[in-house]
């Protein structure tokens, strides 16, 4: 595990270690994407290397795939294991009701698919990700769209009250491209009173592949703070 972490990274790591405690021998584990989920993948890899745990991982992105391989976690797919025992992932914002915004790493479509296939979904985050309402602090909602539909989708999002901005790639010219070959429109709606309602409205727009709203998909959240880890639990109805 990484040493000499700053307080925020240490909070993420502490939350990740709590989440990994849920993993049991023989589990199929969904592996989330992003810097916070990376701590969980690394912790899981440590348990695999000791020989005390035999699991298989379903990565939600190419980044998660590469890190899992590096950490010695055997990889599988939803085709081979359509039911996932547990998924551990991060979040960009999280409310007390466990509504989330995800997708700043541009992997929310695959993350949502794996989450939907999972018996238990555990989210890990640092305390700065906790909000009363989604959209606070000028947080945008990532929306994955087909490249062919960018212009139409942008206008429809504006009509729905959003302010969409095409996410540009880092270190290269042009837009960010997801693992699915699509673009991302980071769309600001202000503070969102009813994220479930807005999600349905946005997903009805032709060209939208997926949104960064995760509503009704999370069972447990571990939030790392300066003094420990808070647990929020709202088990979904199966």
Protein backbone atom coordinates (compact mmCIF):
# COMPACT_ATOMS: atom_id res chain seq x y z
CA UNK A 1 0.00 0.00 0.00
CA UNK A 2 1.08 3.60 -0.56
CA UNK A 3 2.82 5.45 2.25
CA UNK A 4 3.06 9.14 3.19
CA UNK A 5 -0.42 9.99 1.95
CA UNK A 6 -1.97 13.42 2.42
CA UNK A 7 -5.06 13.57 4.70
CA UNK A 8 -7.58 13.28 1.86
CA UNK A 9 -5.81 10.30 0.30
CA UNK A 10 -5.50 8.68 3.72
CA UNK A 11 -9.26 9.13 4.23
CA UNK A 12 -9.92 7.44 0.88
CA UNK A 13 -7.60 4.58 1.79
CA UNK A 14 -9.28 4.09 5.17
CA UNK A 15 -12.70 3.93 3.52
CA UNK A 16 -11.38 1.46 0.94
CA UNK A 17 -10.01 -0.87 3.62
CA UNK A 18 -13.43 -0.95 5.30
CA UNK A 19 -15.12 -1.78 2.00
CA UNK A 20 -12.71 -4.61 1.19
CA UNK A 21 -13.64 -6.28 4.49
CA UNK A 22 -16.93 -7.26 2.80
CA UNK A 23 -15.11 -9.41 0.22
CA UNK A 24 -15.28 -13.15 0.93
CA UNK A 25 -13.43 -16.09 -0.57
CA UNK A 26 -14.86 -17.10 -3.94
CA UNK A 27 -16.51 -13.73 -4.62
CA UNK A 28 -16.92 -12.14 -8.02
CA UNK A 29 -16.01 -8.50 -7.34
CA UNK A 30 -16.86 -5.46 -9.44
CA UNK A 31 -13.82 -3.19 -9.59
CA UNK A 32 -14.65 0.50 -9.76
CA UNK A 33 -12.66 3.17 -11.56
CA UNK A 34 -10.87 6.28 -10.34
CA UNK A 35 -8.34 7.23 -7.67
CA UNK A 36 -10.51 6.21 -4.72
CA UNK A 37 -11.51 2.82 -6.12
CA UNK A 38 -7.81 2.23 -6.86
CA UNK A 39 -7.14 1.99 -3.12
CA UNK A 40 -9.70 -0.83 -2.89
CA UNK A 41 -8.18 -2.69 -5.85
CA UNK A 42 -4.74 -2.43 -4.26
CA UNK A 43 -6.04 -3.64 -0.89
CA UNK A 44 -7.83 -6.53 -2.57
CA UNK A 45 -4.65 -7.42 -4.43
CA UNK A 46 -2.73 -7.58 -1.14
CA UNK A 47 -5.21 -10.12 0.22
CA UNK A 48 -5.01 -12.17 -2.99
CA UNK A 49 -1.20 -12.21 -2.86
CA UNK A 50 -1.20 -13.60 0.69
CA UNK A 51 -3.15 -16.59 -0.57
CA UNK A 52 -5.98 -16.06 1.89
CA UNK A 53 -8.46 -14.92 -0.73
CA UNK A 54 -9.52 -16.32 -4.09
CA UNK A 55 -11.65 -13.89 -6.09
CA UNK A 56 -12.22 -12.76 -9.65
CA UNK A 57 -12.65 -9.13 -10.66
CA UNK A 58 -14.93 -7.47 -13.20
CA UNK A 59 -13.21 -4.16 -14.13
CA UNK A 60 -15.40 -1.18 -15.02
CA UNK A 61 -12.76 0.49 -17.18
CA UNK A 62 -9.46 -0.16 -18.91
CA UNK A 63 -7.75 1.72 -16.10
CA UNK A 64 -9.28 -0.63 -13.51
CA UNK A 65 -8.36 -3.60 -15.69
CA UNK A 66 -4.69 -2.62 -15.85
CA UNK A 67 -4.49 -1.95 -12.10
CA UNK A 68 -6.16 -5.28 -11.30
CA UNK A 69 -3.66 -7.13 -13.46
CA UNK A 70 -0.80 -5.25 -11.79
CA UNK A 71 -2.19 -6.21 -8.36
CA UNK A 72 -2.54 -9.88 -9.27
CA UNK A 73 -6.34 -10.05 -9.30
CA UNK A 74 -7.72 -12.61 -11.79
CA UNK A 75 -10.08 -11.02 -14.30
CA UNK A 76 -13.46 -12.20 -15.55
CA UNK A 77 -16.40 -10.69 -17.45
CA UNK A 78 -20.14 -10.28 -17.06
CA UNK A 79 -20.56 -12.79 -19.89
CA UNK A 80 -18.89 -15.42 -17.71
CA UNK A 81 -20.39 -14.21 -14.41
CA UNK A 82 -23.57 -12.17 -15.01
CA UNK A 83 -24.16 -11.91 -11.25
CA UNK A 84 -21.55 -10.01 -9.24
CA UNK A 85 -21.33 -10.62 -5.49
CA UNK A 86 -19.98 -7.21 -4.55
CA UNK A 87 -18.88 -4.03 -6.29
CA UNK A 88 -16.64 -1.40 -4.69
CA UNK A 89 -16.51 2.01 -6.37
CA UNK A 90 -15.98 5.69 -5.67
CA UNK A 91 -18.25 8.72 -6.11
CA UNK A 92 -17.92 12.40 -6.97
CA UNK A 93 -20.84 13.41 -4.75
CA UNK A 94 -22.92 11.48 -2.24
CA UNK A 95 -26.05 12.48 -0.28
CA UNK A 96 -27.36 11.07 3.02
CA UNK A 97 -29.92 9.12 0.95
CA UNK A 98 -27.05 7.53 -1.01
CA UNK A 99 -27.84 9.31 -4.25
CA UNK A 100 -24.62 9.77 -6.21
CA UNK A 101 -23.01 11.69 -9.01
CA UNK A 102 -20.28 9.67 -10.71
CA UNK A 103 -18.38 9.88 -13.95
CA UNK A 104 -15.58 12.39 -13.60
CA UNK A 105 -13.39 9.48 -14.71
CA UNK A 106 -15.69 8.96 -17.73
CA UNK A 107 -16.52 5.35 -16.80
CA UNK A 108 -20.06 5.73 -15.45
CA UNK A 109 -21.81 3.63 -18.12
CA UNK A 110 -19.80 0.50 -17.34
CA UNK A 111 -19.83 1.30 -13.64
CA UNK A 112 -23.63 1.44 -13.68
CA UNK A 113 -23.92 -1.82 -15.61
CA UNK A 114 -21.70 -3.64 -13.12
CA UNK A 115 -23.54 -2.03 -10.20
CA UNK A 116 -26.86 -3.23 -11.60
CA UNK A 117 -25.46 -6.77 -11.82
CA UNK A 118 -24.25 -6.73 -8.19
CA UNK A 119 -25.84 -8.19 -5.07
CA UNK A 120 -24.16 -5.56 -2.90
CA UNK A 121 -22.81 -2.15 -3.90
CA UNK A 122 -20.33 -0.39 -1.61
CA UNK A 123 -19.23 3.19 -2.27
CA UNK A 124 -16.08 4.71 -0.82
CA UNK A 125 -15.28 8.41 -0.62
CA UNK A 126 -13.60 11.11 1.40
CA UNK A 127 -15.63 13.58 3.44
CA UNK A 128 -15.40 16.33 0.80
CA UNK A 129 -17.66 14.26 -1.45
CA UNK A 130 -20.55 14.37 1.04
CA UNK A 131 -23.34 16.89 0.23
CA UNK A 132 -26.95 17.54 1.20
CA UNK A 133 -28.06 17.78 -2.44
CA UNK A 134 -26.45 16.67 -5.66
CA UNK A 135 -25.15 19.55 -7.71
CA UNK A 136 -23.82 21.56 -4.77
CA UNK A 137 -20.48 23.35 -5.12
CA UNK A 138 -20.94 23.76 -8.89
CA UNK A 139 -20.73 20.00 -9.42
CA UNK A 140 -21.70 19.01 -12.97
CA UNK A 141 -23.35 15.77 -14.05
CA UNK A 142 -21.32 13.80 -16.63
CA UNK A 143 -23.48 12.60 -19.51
CA UNK A 144 -22.10 10.10 -22.02
CA UNK A 145 -23.33 10.75 -25.55
CA UNK A 146 -22.87 9.32 -29.01
CA UNK A 147 -20.45 11.54 -31.01
CA UNK A 148 -23.00 11.76 -33.86
CA UNK A 149 -25.53 13.29 -31.45
CA UNK A 150 -23.38 15.86 -29.59
CA UNK A 151 -25.00 18.97 -31.09
CA UNK A 152 -28.56 17.73 -30.68
CA UNK A 153 -27.92 16.43 -27.18
CA UNK A 154 -26.33 19.69 -26.04
CA UNK A 155 -29.39 21.66 -27.15
CA UNK A 156 -31.80 19.22 -25.48
CA UNK A 157 -29.85 19.42 -22.23
CA UNK A 158 -30.03 23.23 -22.41
CA UNK A 159 -33.79 22.94 -22.97
CA UNK A 160 -33.94 20.79 -19.82
CA UNK A 161 -32.26 23.54 -17.78
CA UNK A 162 -28.66 22.34 -17.98
CA UNK A 163 -25.42 23.99 -19.04
CA UNK A 164 -23.48 21.32 -20.98
CA UNK A 165 -19.78 21.56 -21.78
CA UNK A 166 -17.98 19.04 -23.97
CA UNK A 167 -15.16 17.51 -21.91
CA UNK A 168 -11.80 18.03 -23.57
CA UNK A 169 -9.04 15.45 -23.44
CA UNK A 170 -5.90 16.06 -21.39
CA UNK A 171 -2.58 16.07 -23.20
CA UNK A 172 -4.20 15.96 -26.63
CA UNK A 173 -6.52 17.93 -28.84
CA UNK A 174 -10.17 16.99 -29.04
CA UNK A 175 -12.79 15.60 -26.65
CA UNK A 176 -12.39 12.94 -23.98
CA UNK A 177 -13.34 9.55 -25.43
CA UNK A 178 -14.83 6.90 -23.14
CA UNK A 179 -13.98 3.20 -23.22
CA UNK A 180 -17.20 2.87 -25.25
CA UNK A 181 -15.99 5.32 -27.90
CA UNK A 182 -18.34 8.11 -26.86
CA UNK A 183 -18.04 11.74 -25.68
CA UNK A 184 -18.84 13.32 -22.31
CA UNK A 185 -20.98 16.41 -21.76
CA UNK A 186 -20.38 17.77 -18.26
CA UNK A 187 -23.71 19.40 -17.52
CA UNK A 188 -24.48 21.75 -14.63
CA UNK A 189 -28.06 21.89 -13.33
CA UNK A 190 -27.54 23.69 -10.02
CA UNK A 191 -28.70 21.97 -6.84
CA UNK A 192 -30.88 19.03 -7.86
CA UNK A 193 -34.04 18.45 -5.82
CA UNK A 194 -35.14 15.24 -7.58
CA UNK A 195 -32.19 13.46 -9.25
CA UNK A 196 -34.27 10.40 -10.18
CA UNK A 197 -36.75 12.53 -12.11
CA UNK A 198 -34.02 14.49 -13.87
CA UNK A 199 -32.16 11.30 -14.77
CA UNK A 200 -35.22 9.90 -16.56
CA UNK A 201 -35.69 13.17 -18.42
CA UNK A 202 -32.08 13.27 -19.60
CA UNK A 203 -31.98 9.59 -20.59
CA UNK A 204 -34.98 10.14 -22.86
CA UNK A 205 -32.87 12.44 -25.05
CA UNK A 206 -31.81 10.64 -28.26
CA UNK A 207 -28.06 10.13 -28.28
CA UNK A 208 -27.64 9.90 -24.52
CA UNK A 209 -25.93 6.64 -23.58
CA UNK A 210 -25.82 7.08 -19.80
CA UNK A 211 -25.79 9.71 -17.06
CA UNK A 212 -23.68 10.13 -13.95
CA UNK A 213 -26.73 9.87 -11.68
CA UNK A 214 -26.62 6.75 -9.50
CA UNK A 215 -29.96 6.60 -7.69
CA UNK A 216 -31.15 3.50 -5.83
CA UNK A 217 -28.00 1.55 -6.66
CA UNK A 218 -25.97 1.90 -3.46
CA UNK A 219 -26.28 -0.26 -0.33
CA UNK A 220 -23.43 0.98 1.85
CA UNK A 221 -21.10 3.97 1.76
CA UNK A 222 -17.90 4.35 3.73
CA UNK A 223 -16.84 7.99 4.05
CA UNK A 224 -13.33 8.63 5.29
CA UNK A 225 -12.88 11.60 7.62
CA UNK A 226 -10.00 13.10 9.59
CA UNK A 227 -10.98 11.05 12.65
CA UNK A 228 -12.18 7.77 11.15
CA UNK A 229 -14.68 6.26 8.72
CA UNK A 230 -18.43 6.92 8.73
CA UNK A 231 -20.78 4.18 7.51
CA UNK A 232 -24.06 4.98 5.75
CA UNK A 233 -26.29 1.99 5.03
CA UNK A 234 -29.53 1.87 3.05
CA UNK A 235 -29.85 -1.65 1.67
CA UNK A 236 -31.77 -1.85 -1.57
CA UNK A 237 -34.90 -3.93 -1.90
CA UNK A 238 -34.01 -7.04 -3.89
